[in-house]
Amino acid sequence: MTSQTRGEAQVREVLATFRAELRSLPGDEDLINTRRIDSLTFISVVTALIDRSGRDIDLEAVSTARLRTITGLAEEFYGPEDEGRGTR
């Protein structure tokens, strides 16, 4: 696995509570289209991230495409980058 932000690590921990193998997926893999998680699990993951991060997001204002990947979830719930990780 390549370098990851603290947010990505948090998302991976949440995903692993549903299915352990989700921890090692690439950050840009679409979790829905690849059928790694179903729609009910997706809602449970988002709820768990709201609880863990303490940040509620407006699901109507955010692109659902951003919430389909580990990287997108991490950016929405924990910010775009952790300090010291470099720029995109």
N, C-alpha and C. Protein backbone atom coordinates (compact mmCIF):
# COMPACT_ATOMS: atom_id res chain seq x y z
N MET A 1 0.86 -1.17 0.00
CA MET A 1 0.00 0.00 0.00
C MET A 1 0.90 1.24 0.00
N THR A 2 0.52 2.24 -0.75
CA THR A 2 1.31 3.45 -0.83
C THR A 2 1.03 4.33 0.38
N SER A 3 1.77 5.45 0.43
CA SER A 3 1.59 6.41 1.51
C SER A 3 0.13 6.86 1.58
N GLN A 4 -0.37 6.97 2.79
CA GLN A 4 -1.76 7.39 2.96
C GLN A 4 -1.87 8.47 4.02
N THR A 5 -2.91 9.23 3.95
CA THR A 5 -3.15 10.26 4.95
C THR A 5 -3.76 9.62 6.19
N ARG A 6 -3.80 10.37 7.25
CA ARG A 6 -4.46 9.91 8.48
C ARG A 6 -5.94 9.66 8.21
N GLY A 7 -6.55 10.52 7.39
CA GLY A 7 -7.95 10.35 7.03
C GLY A 7 -8.20 9.05 6.28
N GLU A 8 -7.32 8.72 5.34
CA GLU A 8 -7.46 7.47 4.61
C GLU A 8 -7.32 6.28 5.54
N ALA A 9 -6.42 6.38 6.50
CA ALA A 9 -6.26 5.30 7.48
C ALA A 9 -7.53 5.13 8.30
N GLN A 10 -8.17 6.24 8.66
CA GLN A 10 -9.41 6.18 9.43
C GLN A 10 -10.53 5.54 8.60
N VAL A 11 -10.62 5.91 7.33
CA VAL A 11 -11.64 5.33 6.45
C VAL A 11 -11.39 3.82 6.31
N ARG A 12 -10.14 3.43 6.15
CA ARG A 12 -9.81 2.00 6.01
C ARG A 12 -10.20 1.23 7.28
N GLU A 13 -9.99 1.84 8.43
CA GLU A 13 -10.39 1.18 9.68
C GLU A 13 -11.89 0.96 9.73
N VAL A 14 -12.66 1.96 9.33
CA VAL A 14 -14.12 1.84 9.32
C VAL A 14 -14.53 0.76 8.33
N LEU A 15 -14.00 0.79 7.12
CA LEU A 15 -14.35 -0.21 6.11
C LEU A 15 -14.03 -1.62 6.60
N ALA A 16 -12.91 -1.77 7.30
CA ALA A 16 -12.50 -3.10 7.78
C ALA A 16 -13.46 -3.66 8.83
N THR A 17 -14.23 -2.81 9.47
CA THR A 17 -15.21 -3.32 10.43
C THR A 17 -16.36 -4.02 9.71
N PHE A 18 -16.52 -3.74 8.43
CA PHE A 18 -17.56 -4.38 7.62
C PHE A 18 -17.01 -5.59 6.88
N ARG A 19 -15.81 -5.43 6.31
CA ARG A 19 -15.13 -6.52 5.60
C ARG A 19 -13.63 -6.25 5.67
N ALA A 20 -12.90 -7.15 6.29
CA ALA A 20 -11.47 -6.94 6.54
C ALA A 20 -10.67 -6.66 5.27
N GLU A 21 -11.01 -7.30 4.17
CA GLU A 21 -10.23 -7.14 2.94
C GLU A 21 -10.34 -5.74 2.34
N LEU A 22 -11.32 -4.96 2.77
CA LEU A 22 -11.47 -3.59 2.25
C LEU A 22 -10.33 -2.68 2.71
N ARG A 23 -9.64 -3.05 3.75
CA ARG A 23 -8.54 -2.24 4.28
C ARG A 23 -7.42 -2.04 3.24
N SER A 24 -7.22 -3.03 2.38
CA SER A 24 -6.07 -2.99 1.47
C SER A 24 -6.39 -2.53 0.05
N LEU A 25 -7.57 -2.01 -0.19
CA LEU A 25 -7.94 -1.56 -1.53
C LEU A 25 -7.20 -0.28 -1.90
N PRO A 26 -6.97 -0.07 -3.20
CA PRO A 26 -6.41 1.21 -3.66
C PRO A 26 -7.35 2.35 -3.29
N GLY A 27 -6.80 3.50 -2.98
CA GLY A 27 -7.60 4.64 -2.56
C GLY A 27 -8.57 5.16 -3.59
N ASP A 28 -8.29 4.90 -4.87
CA ASP A 28 -9.14 5.43 -5.93
C ASP A 28 -10.10 4.40 -6.50
N GLU A 29 -10.17 3.21 -5.91
CA GLU A 29 -11.09 2.19 -6.41
C GLU A 29 -12.53 2.53 -6.03
N ASP A 30 -13.44 2.43 -6.99
CA ASP A 30 -14.85 2.71 -6.74
C ASP A 30 -15.45 1.56 -5.94
N LEU A 31 -15.84 1.85 -4.71
CA LEU A 31 -16.34 0.82 -3.80
C LEU A 31 -17.71 0.29 -4.21
N ILE A 32 -18.50 1.10 -4.90
CA ILE A 32 -19.85 0.72 -5.30
C ILE A 32 -19.83 -0.04 -6.62
N ASN A 33 -19.23 0.56 -7.65
CA ASN A 33 -19.22 -0.08 -8.97
C ASN A 33 -18.49 -1.42 -8.98
N THR A 34 -17.51 -1.58 -8.14
CA THR A 34 -16.79 -2.84 -8.07
C THR A 34 -17.49 -3.85 -7.15
N ARG A 35 -18.61 -3.39 -6.58
CA ARG A 35 -19.43 -4.23 -5.69
C ARG A 35 -18.68 -4.68 -4.43
N ARG A 36 -17.73 -3.87 -4.01
CA ARG A 36 -17.03 -4.15 -2.75
C ARG A 36 -17.97 -3.94 -1.57
N ILE A 37 -18.85 -2.92 -1.70
CA ILE A 37 -19.89 -2.69 -0.69
C ILE A 37 -21.21 -2.44 -1.41
N ASP A 38 -22.29 -2.81 -0.74
CA ASP A 38 -23.62 -2.54 -1.31
C ASP A 38 -24.15 -1.22 -0.75
N SER A 39 -25.32 -0.82 -1.21
CA SER A 39 -25.85 0.49 -0.82
C SER A 39 -26.14 0.58 0.68
N LEU A 40 -26.60 -0.49 1.29
CA LEU A 40 -26.86 -0.47 2.73
C LEU A 40 -25.55 -0.33 3.51
N THR A 41 -24.54 -1.05 3.09
CA THR A 41 -23.23 -0.93 3.75
C THR A 41 -22.66 0.46 3.55
N PHE A 42 -22.87 1.04 2.37
CA PHE A 42 -22.41 2.40 2.09
C PHE A 42 -22.98 3.38 3.11
N ILE A 43 -24.29 3.28 3.35
CA ILE A 43 -24.93 4.17 4.33
C ILE A 43 -24.34 3.93 5.71
N SER A 44 -24.09 2.69 6.06
CA SER A 44 -23.50 2.36 7.36
C SER A 44 -22.08 2.92 7.48
N VAL A 45 -21.32 2.85 6.39
CA VAL A 45 -19.95 3.40 6.39
C VAL A 45 -20.00 4.92 6.59
N VAL A 46 -20.87 5.60 5.85
CA VAL A 46 -20.99 7.06 5.98
C VAL A 46 -21.41 7.42 7.41
N THR A 47 -22.36 6.70 7.97
CA THR A 47 -22.80 6.95 9.35
C THR A 47 -21.65 6.74 10.34
N ALA A 48 -20.88 5.68 10.14
CA ALA A 48 -19.74 5.42 11.02
C ALA A 48 -18.68 6.52 10.90
N LEU A 49 -18.47 7.02 9.69
CA LEU A 49 -17.50 8.09 9.50
C LEU A 49 -17.98 9.40 10.12
N ILE A 50 -19.27 9.66 10.06
CA ILE A 50 -19.82 10.84 10.73
C ILE A 50 -19.57 10.74 12.23
N ASP A 51 -19.83 9.57 12.79
CA ASP A 51 -19.60 9.36 14.22
C ASP A 51 -18.12 9.48 14.59
N ARG A 52 -17.26 8.85 13.80
CA ARG A 52 -15.83 8.82 14.11
C ARG A 52 -15.15 10.16 13.91
N SER A 53 -15.50 10.85 12.81
CA SER A 53 -14.83 12.11 12.49
C SER A 53 -15.43 13.29 13.24
N GLY A 54 -16.70 13.14 13.67
CA GLY A 54 -17.38 14.26 14.30
C GLY A 54 -17.83 15.30 13.30
N ARG A 55 -17.74 14.97 12.03
CA ARG A 55 -18.10 15.92 10.97
C ARG A 55 -19.30 15.39 10.19
N ASP A 56 -20.34 16.16 10.18
CA ASP A 56 -21.53 15.81 9.40
C ASP A 56 -21.40 16.50 8.06
N ILE A 57 -21.69 15.79 6.99
CA ILE A 57 -21.61 16.42 5.68
C ILE A 57 -23.01 16.50 5.08
N ASP A 58 -23.19 17.47 4.21
CA ASP A 58 -24.46 17.66 3.52
C ASP A 58 -24.45 16.75 2.29
N LEU A 59 -25.11 15.62 2.37
CA LEU A 59 -25.08 14.64 1.29
C LEU A 59 -25.69 15.17 0.00
N GLU A 60 -26.52 16.18 0.10
CA GLU A 60 -27.10 16.77 -1.11
C GLU A 60 -26.14 17.75 -1.78
N ALA A 61 -25.18 18.25 -1.03
CA ALA A 61 -24.25 19.24 -1.57
C ALA A 61 -22.97 18.62 -2.11
N VAL A 62 -22.68 17.40 -1.71
CA VAL A 62 -21.43 16.76 -2.13
C VAL A 62 -21.71 15.78 -3.26
N SER A 63 -20.77 15.68 -4.17
CA SER A 63 -20.89 14.74 -5.28
C SER A 63 -20.80 13.31 -4.74
N THR A 64 -21.78 12.49 -5.08
CA THR A 64 -21.73 11.10 -4.62
C THR A 64 -20.54 10.36 -5.21
N ALA A 65 -20.05 10.80 -6.35
CA ALA A 65 -18.86 10.17 -6.94
C ALA A 65 -17.66 10.31 -6.00
N ARG A 66 -17.58 11.41 -5.27
CA ARG A 66 -16.47 11.61 -4.33
C ARG A 66 -16.56 10.66 -3.15
N LEU A 67 -17.74 10.21 -2.84
CA LEU A 67 -17.92 9.34 -1.67
C LEU A 67 -17.78 7.87 -2.01
N ARG A 68 -17.44 7.56 -3.24
CA ARG A 68 -17.34 6.17 -3.68
C ARG A 68 -15.94 5.58 -3.50
N THR A 69 -14.96 6.42 -3.16
CA THR A 69 -13.58 5.93 -3.00
C THR A 69 -13.07 6.22 -1.60
N ILE A 70 -12.05 5.50 -1.20
CA ILE A 70 -11.43 5.74 0.10
C ILE A 70 -10.86 7.15 0.15
N THR A 71 -10.19 7.55 -0.92
CA THR A 71 -9.61 8.89 -0.96
C THR A 71 -10.68 9.97 -0.86
N GLY A 72 -11.76 9.82 -1.61
CA GLY A 72 -12.85 10.80 -1.56
C GLY A 72 -13.51 10.87 -0.20
N LEU A 73 -13.77 9.71 0.40
CA LEU A 73 -14.35 9.69 1.75
C LEU A 73 -13.42 10.39 2.75
N ALA A 74 -12.13 10.10 2.64
CA ALA A 74 -11.16 10.71 3.56
C ALA A 74 -11.14 12.23 3.40
N GLU A 75 -11.18 12.70 2.17
CA GLU A 75 -11.16 14.14 1.93
C GLU A 75 -12.42 14.81 2.44
N GLU A 76 -13.57 14.18 2.28
CA GLU A 76 -14.82 14.76 2.76
C GLU A 76 -14.90 14.79 4.28
N PHE A 77 -14.43 13.75 4.93
CA PHE A 77 -14.58 13.66 6.39
C PHE A 77 -13.37 14.17 7.17
N TYR A 78 -12.19 14.18 6.56
CA TYR A 78 -10.99 14.56 7.31
C TYR A 78 -10.18 15.67 6.65
N GLY A 79 -10.63 16.19 5.52
CA GLY A 79 -9.93 17.26 4.84
C GLY A 79 -9.11 16.70 3.66
N PRO A 80 -8.71 17.60 2.76
CA PRO A 80 -8.05 17.14 1.53
C PRO A 80 -6.69 16.48 1.71
N GLU A 81 -5.94 16.91 2.71
CA GLU A 81 -4.62 16.32 2.92
C GLU A 81 -4.23 16.49 4.38
N ASP A 82 -3.43 15.58 4.84
CA ASP A 82 -2.83 15.75 6.17
C ASP A 82 -1.60 16.63 6.00
N GLU A 83 -1.23 17.33 7.07
CA GLU A 83 -0.02 18.14 7.01
C GLU A 83 1.18 17.25 6.73
N GLY A 84 2.10 17.76 5.92
CA GLY A 84 3.33 17.04 5.66
C GLY A 84 3.23 16.00 4.57
N ARG A 85 2.10 15.85 3.93
CA ARG A 85 1.97 14.84 2.91
C ARG A 85 2.29 15.37 1.53
N GLY A 86 2.58 16.58 1.35
CA GLY A 86 2.87 17.11 0.01
C GLY A 86 1.59 17.54 -0.69
N THR A 87 1.76 18.13 -1.84
CA THR A 87 0.61 18.63 -2.57
C THR A 87 0.26 17.70 -3.72
N ARG A 88 -0.96 17.90 -4.22
CA ARG A 88 -1.40 17.09 -5.36
C ARG A 88 -0.98 17.72 -6.64
